[in-house]
Amino acid sequence: MIDPRMARLAEMLVKYSCKLQAGDRVLIEAFDLPEDFIILLVNEVLRARAIPFVEIRQNRVMRSLYNAASEEWMKEWGDIELYRMKKMNAYIGLRGSHNIAEMSDVDQEKMNITNKFYTKPVHFEQRVKHTKWVVTRWPTPGMAQQANMSTEAFEDFYFKVCTLDYAKMSRAMDPLAALMDRTDQVLITGPGTNLAFSIKDIPCRKCDGLRNIPDGEVYTAPVKHSVNGTIQYNAPTIFQGSSFNNIRLEFKDGRVIQATAGTAAETARLNQILDSDDGARYVGEFAFGFNPHITQPMRDILFDEKIAGSIHFTPGQAYEQADNGNRSQIHWDMVLIQTEPYGGGEIHFDGALIRKNGLFVLPELTGLNPDQLI
């Protein structure tokens, strides 16, 4: 019997997120995913009279490939993958994981080669800019463990979050997007955080289920050299398979001049990643998160960056849709939660308070508070 929750998710990915039309070529890329859902999704694509192409990947196999990476090989692999991506009208990425730390011991130099010749040209430059795309996770016992939930409870949570009424959320985002488009100066304060920057003339974009599932953010980017001060993130994060806690970044004229994390080993790894290229120490994204069902971190950025009452402030590559000119092979969404259980905090736009302790205070923005979205 088909799980109706899976059927609803497949329908949302095809009809709402990608809006597939007859004849569209769509690449389904599935990592560590059960066959049943892939088949369900393929059938939904076929019902839309689109053309499915399927790539089934396993993270343990990908780890072996990354560890063996050479520039010559990755250039050729990237060229082949780029050729295929250029043939696609749409992309659905299904990211499961049996082990969230699978890539933790991949050599950083090898990962840099992979990012430079595969990830950046194929995904950042082609897929993101030129296809209708959506990326989602898949609920696994490992993810349930990350969230400190039973497997059954986590599955219920996952499908509730992923099949939210994103059309309603999208309408509630409009006043925030309009406000951000006319804002110059931003000030963020809270425990360990006093950060100022400009977002003047940088476009703002809504994320309402068309690119990520789950979703629930509005993003822009800071003017590249305008960032000054300190931010103390309070959500743990995993990047390239390594785990980090209590990341603290200090900025001067847009650049990270000091970066620390919870342990000496984490700090060393953090700085190694931030030294990947010239753009990795500058910020490519500033965003508000407000998915009402996501209230605490679970070390999965696709969920954590949408936490209600959070922001993320992202070292690395800027998105073309909200471009501040920063270029990097890195795009690392680091999350600061400002709800009262996490220490609170305030955000001001051009001197006016817009959010306090994770709740929007301007009347036109209160539709994005959790009690209005559930």
Protein backbone atom coordinates (compact mmCIF):
# COMPACT_ATOMS: atom_id res chain seq x y z
CA MET A 1 0.00 0.00 0.00
CA ILE A 2 1.28 3.45 -0.90
CA ASP A 3 2.01 5.69 2.09
CA PRO A 4 -0.24 8.75 1.50
CA ARG A 5 2.40 11.00 3.11
CA MET A 6 4.95 9.90 0.51
CA ALA A 7 2.44 10.37 -2.28
CA ARG A 8 1.69 13.91 -1.08
CA LEU A 9 5.41 14.75 -0.95
CA ALA A 10 6.05 13.37 -4.43
CA GLU A 11 3.13 15.37 -5.79
CA MET A 12 4.40 18.55 -4.10
CA LEU A 13 7.93 18.13 -5.51
CA VAL A 14 6.64 17.62 -9.04
CA LYS A 15 3.65 19.97 -9.22
CA TYR A 16 4.44 22.75 -6.74
CA SER A 17 8.24 22.91 -6.38
CA CYS A 18 9.33 22.11 -9.96
CA LYS A 19 6.06 22.83 -11.76
CA LEU A 20 6.95 20.18 -14.32
CA GLN A 21 5.42 20.53 -17.75
CA ALA A 22 4.97 17.99 -20.53
CA GLY A 23 8.32 17.26 -22.13
CA ASP A 24 10.46 18.63 -19.29
CA ARG A 25 13.60 16.58 -18.68
CA VAL A 26 14.15 16.12 -14.94
CA LEU A 27 17.17 14.59 -13.22
CA ILE A 28 16.29 12.75 -10.00
CA GLU A 29 19.47 12.36 -7.95
CA ALA A 30 18.93 10.12 -4.93
CA PHE A 31 21.47 9.52 -2.14
CA ASP A 32 20.91 6.55 0.20
CA LEU A 33 17.17 6.51 -0.50
CA PRO A 34 14.62 3.65 -0.46
CA GLU A 35 13.60 2.44 -3.90
CA ASP A 36 9.89 2.73 -3.11
CA PHE A 37 9.93 6.52 -2.94
CA ILE A 38 12.12 6.87 -6.03
CA ILE A 39 9.63 4.74 -7.98
CA LEU A 40 6.72 6.77 -6.57
CA LEU A 41 8.44 9.98 -7.68
CA VAL A 42 9.23 8.61 -11.13
CA ASN A 43 5.57 7.70 -11.59
CA GLU A 44 4.51 11.21 -10.51
CA VAL A 45 6.92 12.70 -13.06
CA LEU A 46 5.46 10.46 -15.75
CA ARG A 47 1.93 11.52 -14.82
CA ALA A 48 3.03 15.09 -15.51
CA ARG A 49 4.16 13.82 -18.95
CA ALA A 50 7.72 14.86 -18.12
CA ILE A 51 10.80 12.72 -18.76
CA PRO A 52 12.61 11.29 -15.71
CA PHE A 53 16.34 10.56 -15.57
CA VAL A 54 17.50 8.81 -12.40
CA GLU A 55 20.92 8.77 -10.73
CA ILE A 56 21.15 6.58 -7.62
CA ARG A 57 24.15 7.38 -5.43
CA GLN A 58 25.48 5.97 -2.16
CA ASN A 59 27.40 8.19 0.21
CA ARG A 60 29.95 5.51 1.12
CA VAL A 61 30.77 5.10 -2.56
CA MET A 62 30.98 8.88 -3.01
CA ARG A 63 33.43 9.07 -0.11
CA SER A 64 35.72 6.63 -1.88
CA LEU A 65 35.53 8.69 -5.07
CA TYR A 66 36.26 11.95 -3.25
CA ASN A 67 39.26 10.44 -1.46
CA ALA A 68 40.71 9.43 -4.81
CA ALA A 69 40.07 12.77 -6.50
CA SER A 70 42.68 14.29 -8.78
CA GLU A 71 42.38 17.50 -10.79
CA GLU A 72 42.52 15.66 -14.12
CA TRP A 73 39.86 13.15 -13.11
CA MET A 74 37.54 15.68 -11.49
CA LYS A 75 37.76 17.99 -14.49
CA GLU A 76 36.59 15.14 -16.71
CA TRP A 77 33.92 14.01 -14.26
CA GLY A 78 32.72 17.59 -13.91
CA ASP A 79 32.60 18.01 -17.71
CA ILE A 80 30.48 14.86 -18.10
CA GLU A 81 28.10 15.81 -15.27
CA LEU A 82 27.86 19.38 -16.59
CA TYR A 83 26.93 18.10 -20.06
CA ARG A 84 24.09 16.07 -18.56
CA MET A 85 22.90 18.91 -16.32
CA LYS A 86 22.75 21.26 -19.31
CA LYS A 87 20.29 18.83 -20.91
CA MET A 88 17.91 19.08 -17.94
CA ASN A 89 14.98 21.44 -17.43
CA ALA A 90 14.58 20.42 -13.78
CA TYR A 91 16.41 18.72 -10.94
CA ILE A 92 15.09 16.92 -7.84
CA GLY A 93 17.76 16.13 -5.25
CA LEU A 94 16.85 13.54 -2.62
CA ARG A 95 19.46 13.54 0.14
CA GLY A 96 19.32 10.60 2.50
CA SER A 97 22.22 9.58 4.73
CA HIS A 98 22.97 6.45 6.70
CA ASN A 99 25.86 8.26 8.44
CA ILE A 100 25.93 12.06 8.65
CA ALA A 101 29.70 11.98 9.27
CA GLU A 102 30.48 9.85 6.20
CA MET A 103 32.63 12.57 4.63
CA SER A 104 34.37 13.65 7.85
CA ASP A 105 37.71 12.04 6.98
CA VAL A 106 37.88 13.08 3.33
CA ASP A 107 41.10 15.03 2.85
CA GLN A 108 40.38 18.78 2.59
CA GLU A 109 42.56 19.17 -0.48
CA LYS A 110 40.60 16.39 -2.21
CA MET A 111 37.32 18.03 -1.20
CA ASN A 112 38.53 21.36 -2.58
CA ILE A 113 39.30 19.68 -5.91
CA THR A 114 35.84 18.09 -5.96
CA ASN A 115 34.14 21.38 -5.12
CA LYS A 116 36.13 23.33 -7.71
CA PHE A 117 35.70 21.01 -10.69
CA TYR A 118 32.40 19.25 -9.91
CA THR A 119 30.18 20.90 -7.29
CA LYS A 120 30.65 24.52 -8.30
CA PRO A 121 30.33 24.24 -12.11
CA VAL A 122 27.63 21.54 -12.12
CA HIS A 123 25.46 22.68 -9.22
CA PHE A 124 26.22 26.32 -8.31
CA GLU A 125 26.73 27.55 -11.87
CA GLN A 126 24.43 25.32 -13.95
CA ARG A 127 21.78 23.60 -11.84
CA VAL A 128 21.03 26.53 -9.51
CA LYS A 129 21.05 29.16 -12.26
CA HIS A 130 19.47 27.31 -15.18
CA THR A 131 17.02 24.65 -13.99
CA LYS A 132 13.84 24.39 -11.97
CA TRP A 133 15.26 22.62 -8.93
CA VAL A 134 14.34 21.40 -5.48
CA VAL A 135 16.35 19.58 -2.82
CA THR A 136 14.98 17.63 0.12
CA ARG A 137 16.20 15.22 2.77
CA TRP A 138 14.85 11.77 3.56
CA PRO A 139 13.94 10.63 7.10
CA THR A 140 16.33 7.97 8.40
CA PRO A 141 16.98 6.51 11.85
CA GLY A 142 20.22 8.51 11.85
CA MET A 143 18.33 11.76 11.34
CA ALA A 144 15.87 10.77 14.06
CA GLN A 145 18.80 10.24 16.39
CA GLN A 146 20.20 13.68 15.48
CA ALA A 147 16.82 15.17 16.40
CA ASN A 148 16.60 13.14 19.64
CA MET A 149 13.36 11.57 18.42
CA SER A 150 12.11 8.06 17.83
CA THR A 151 12.15 6.94 14.21
CA GLU A 152 8.33 6.96 14.03
CA ALA A 153 8.00 10.38 15.66
CA PHE A 154 10.65 11.83 13.37
CA GLU A 155 8.90 10.50 10.27
CA ASP A 156 5.67 12.18 11.39
CA PHE A 157 7.59 15.42 12.01
CA TYR A 158 9.35 15.19 8.65
CA PHE A 159 6.21 14.81 6.56
CA LYS A 160 4.36 17.50 8.55
CA VAL A 161 7.21 19.96 7.94
CA CYS A 162 7.65 19.06 4.29
CA THR A 163 3.99 19.26 3.31
CA LEU A 164 3.23 22.57 5.02
CA ASP A 165 0.93 25.03 3.23
CA TYR A 166 3.77 26.85 1.47
CA ALA A 167 1.41 28.94 -0.64
CA LYS A 168 0.02 30.52 2.56
CA MET A 169 3.55 31.04 3.89
CA SER A 170 4.55 32.66 0.60
CA ARG A 171 1.86 35.31 0.92
CA ALA A 172 2.95 36.09 4.47
CA MET A 173 6.53 36.59 3.25
CA ASP A 174 5.66 39.45 0.90
CA PRO A 175 5.81 42.31 3.47
CA LEU A 176 9.18 41.11 4.81
CA ALA A 177 10.64 40.85 1.32
CA ALA A 178 9.38 44.35 0.51
CA LEU A 179 10.87 45.74 3.73
CA MET A 180 14.25 44.11 3.10
CA ASP A 181 14.30 45.53 -0.43
CA ARG A 182 14.12 49.08 0.93
CA THR A 183 16.45 48.58 3.92
CA ASP A 184 20.02 49.83 4.17
CA GLN A 185 21.49 49.19 7.63
CA VAL A 186 21.00 45.99 9.66
CA LEU A 187 22.00 45.56 13.31
CA ILE A 188 21.87 42.15 15.01
CA THR A 189 22.42 41.90 18.76
CA GLY A 190 22.24 39.13 21.32
CA PRO A 191 24.46 37.06 23.60
CA GLY A 192 27.96 37.30 22.12
CA THR A 193 26.61 39.04 19.00
CA ASN A 194 26.88 42.63 17.88
CA LEU A 195 26.94 42.72 14.10
CA ALA A 196 26.27 45.56 11.67
CA PHE A 197 26.11 45.56 7.88
CA SER A 198 24.26 46.97 4.88
CA ILE A 199 21.90 45.17 2.51
CA LYS A 200 21.26 48.26 0.38
CA ASP A 201 20.42 47.51 -3.26
CA ILE A 202 20.99 43.74 -2.85
CA PRO A 203 17.90 41.90 -4.14
CA CYS A 204 15.78 39.92 -1.68
CA ARG A 205 14.23 36.54 -2.43
CA LYS A 206 11.51 34.37 -0.88
CA CYS A 207 12.04 30.67 -0.27
CA ASP A 208 8.57 29.16 -0.18
CA GLY A 209 8.91 25.52 -1.17
CA LEU A 210 10.15 26.02 -4.72
CA ARG A 211 13.82 25.20 -4.05
CA ASN A 212 14.10 23.49 -0.66
CA ILE A 213 11.75 21.16 1.13
CA PRO A 214 11.35 21.88 4.00
CA ASP A 215 11.38 25.61 3.39
CA GLY A 216 10.63 28.91 5.09
CA GLU A 217 13.12 31.73 4.70
CA VAL A 218 13.65 35.10 3.06
CA TYR A 219 17.22 35.84 2.03
CA THR A 220 19.47 38.52 0.64
CA ALA A 221 23.19 39.22 1.05
CA PRO A 222 25.21 41.87 2.85
CA VAL A 223 27.11 44.45 0.85
CA LYS A 224 30.39 42.53 0.64
CA HIS A 225 32.72 44.87 2.56
CA SER A 226 30.10 46.32 4.94
CA VAL A 227 30.12 43.64 7.65
CA ASN A 228 31.67 44.61 10.98
CA GLY A 229 31.42 43.13 14.43
CA THR A 230 30.95 39.69 15.93
CA ILE A 231 28.39 36.90 15.62
CA GLN A 232 28.14 33.97 18.04
CA TYR A 233 26.21 31.12 16.40
CA ASN A 234 24.37 28.80 18.78
CA ALA A 235 23.20 25.99 16.49
CA PRO A 236 25.62 23.11 15.97
CA THR A 237 26.54 22.53 12.36
CA ILE A 238 28.00 19.83 10.14
CA PHE A 239 29.97 20.83 7.06
CA GLN A 240 31.81 18.45 4.74
CA GLY A 241 31.21 15.69 7.28
CA SER A 242 32.80 17.52 10.24
CA SER A 243 30.83 18.66 13.28
CA PHE A 244 31.17 22.13 14.82
CA ASN A 245 29.75 23.80 17.94
CA ASN A 246 29.70 27.41 19.16
CA ILE A 247 31.23 28.98 16.07
CA ARG A 248 32.20 32.61 16.60
CA LEU A 249 33.19 34.89 13.72
CA GLU A 250 34.65 38.36 13.96
CA PHE A 251 34.43 40.60 10.88
CA LYS A 252 36.27 43.70 9.75
CA ASP A 253 35.25 45.38 6.51
CA GLY A 254 33.41 42.25 5.41
CA ARG A 255 36.17 39.72 6.02
CA VAL A 256 36.36 37.11 8.79
CA ILE A 257 39.48 38.11 10.72
CA GLN A 258 39.02 35.65 13.57
CA ALA A 259 37.13 32.35 13.67
CA THR A 260 36.81 30.00 16.63
CA ALA A 261 34.70 26.98 17.51
CA GLY A 262 34.05 24.75 20.50
CA THR A 263 37.38 22.89 20.57
CA ALA A 264 40.88 23.48 19.28
CA ALA A 265 40.37 20.76 16.67
CA GLU A 266 37.11 22.32 15.51
CA THR A 267 38.76 25.74 15.31
CA ALA A 268 41.60 24.38 13.20
CA ARG A 269 39.18 22.64 10.83
CA LEU A 270 36.96 25.74 10.68
CA ASN A 271 39.86 27.93 9.60
CA GLN A 272 41.04 25.33 7.13
CA ILE A 273 37.64 25.47 5.41
CA LEU A 274 37.52 29.28 5.55
CA ASP A 275 40.91 29.33 3.83
CA SER A 276 39.61 27.23 0.90
CA ASP A 277 39.66 30.32 -1.34
CA ASP A 278 39.56 34.11 -1.15
CA GLY A 279 35.75 34.32 -0.99
CA ALA A 280 35.26 31.83 1.86
CA ARG A 281 35.97 34.50 4.52
CA TYR A 282 33.33 36.86 3.11
CA VAL A 283 29.57 36.43 3.48
CA GLY A 284 27.30 35.45 0.59
CA GLU A 285 23.89 35.26 2.30
CA PHE A 286 21.84 36.75 5.12
CA ALA A 287 18.43 35.17 5.79
CA PHE A 288 15.53 34.90 8.22
CA GLY A 289 14.12 31.45 9.07
CA PHE A 290 10.51 30.93 10.17
CA ASN A 291 9.20 27.40 9.55
CA PRO A 292 6.80 27.04 12.51
CA HIS A 293 7.34 23.30 12.91
CA ILE A 294 11.14 23.54 13.22
CA THR A 295 12.07 24.90 16.63
CA GLN A 296 15.42 23.32 17.52
CA PRO A 297 18.57 22.30 15.64
CA MET A 298 19.19 18.76 14.45
CA ARG A 299 22.54 19.20 12.65
CA ASP A 300 20.95 19.15 9.23
CA ILE A 301 21.17 22.52 7.55
CA LEU A 302 18.19 22.03 5.25
CA PHE A 303 16.09 21.95 8.44
CA ASP A 304 18.17 24.11 10.77
CA GLU A 305 18.34 27.16 8.49
CA LYS A 306 14.51 27.27 8.57
CA ILE A 307 14.20 27.25 12.39
CA ALA A 308 11.48 29.64 13.54
CA GLY A 309 13.11 32.72 15.07
CA SER A 310 16.50 32.13 13.50
CA ILE A 311 18.82 33.79 11.04
CA HIS A 312 21.65 32.35 9.02
CA PHE A 313 24.69 34.34 8.04
CA THR A 314 26.64 32.42 5.43
CA PRO A 315 30.34 32.53 4.60
CA GLY A 316 31.07 31.89 0.93
CA GLN A 317 29.32 31.96 -2.42
CA ALA A 318 26.51 34.44 -3.02
CA TYR A 319 23.43 33.40 -4.96
CA GLU A 320 22.97 34.98 -8.37
CA GLN A 321 19.45 36.07 -7.37
CA ALA A 322 20.83 38.10 -4.43
CA ASP A 323 24.35 38.78 -5.59
CA ASN A 324 26.88 40.83 -3.65
CA GLY A 325 29.71 39.74 -5.93
CA ASN A 326 31.28 37.18 -3.59
CA ARG A 327 32.59 34.03 -5.25
CA SER A 328 33.69 30.87 -3.48
CA GLN A 329 33.52 27.09 -3.68
CA ILE A 330 32.15 27.28 -0.11
CA HIS A 331 28.57 28.12 0.92
CA TRP A 332 28.22 27.38 4.63
CA ASP A 333 24.91 28.26 6.27
CA MET A 334 25.63 28.93 9.95
CA VAL A 335 22.59 29.44 12.18
CA LEU A 336 21.86 31.81 15.08
CA ILE A 337 18.59 31.10 16.93
CA GLN A 338 17.17 34.15 18.72
CA THR A 339 14.16 32.70 20.53
CA GLU A 340 14.07 33.05 24.32
CA PRO A 341 15.16 29.45 25.07
CA TYR A 342 18.33 30.18 23.07
CA GLY A 343 19.16 33.51 24.70
CA GLY A 344 17.00 35.89 22.67
CA GLY A 345 18.21 38.84 20.64
CA GLU A 346 17.08 41.72 18.48
CA ILE A 347 17.26 42.75 14.84
CA HIS A 348 16.96 46.37 13.73
CA PHE A 349 16.48 47.69 10.20
CA ASP A 350 17.61 51.31 9.75
CA GLY A 351 17.27 51.83 13.50
CA ALA A 352 13.79 50.32 13.86
CA LEU A 353 13.21 47.11 15.84
CA ILE A 354 11.66 44.46 13.57
CA ARG A 355 12.20 41.22 15.51
CA LYS A 356 12.71 40.57 19.21
CA ASN A 357 13.44 37.18 20.77
CA GLY A 358 12.57 35.45 17.51
CA LEU A 359 9.17 37.09 17.01
CA PHE A 360 8.43 39.80 14.44
CA VAL A 361 7.05 42.93 16.10
CA LEU A 362 5.95 45.06 13.14
CA PRO A 363 2.21 44.46 12.50
CA GLU A 364 2.74 43.74 8.80
CA LEU A 365 5.27 41.01 9.65
CA THR A 366 3.48 39.14 12.43
CA GLY A 367 1.92 36.79 9.87
CA LEU A 368 5.30 35.03 9.83
CA ASN A 369 5.21 34.24 13.55
CA PRO A 370 4.60 30.55 14.35
CA ASP A 371 1.07 30.95 15.70
CA GLN A 372 -0.02 32.45 12.37
CA LEU A 373 1.60 29.84 10.09
CA ILE A 374 0.52 26.59 11.75
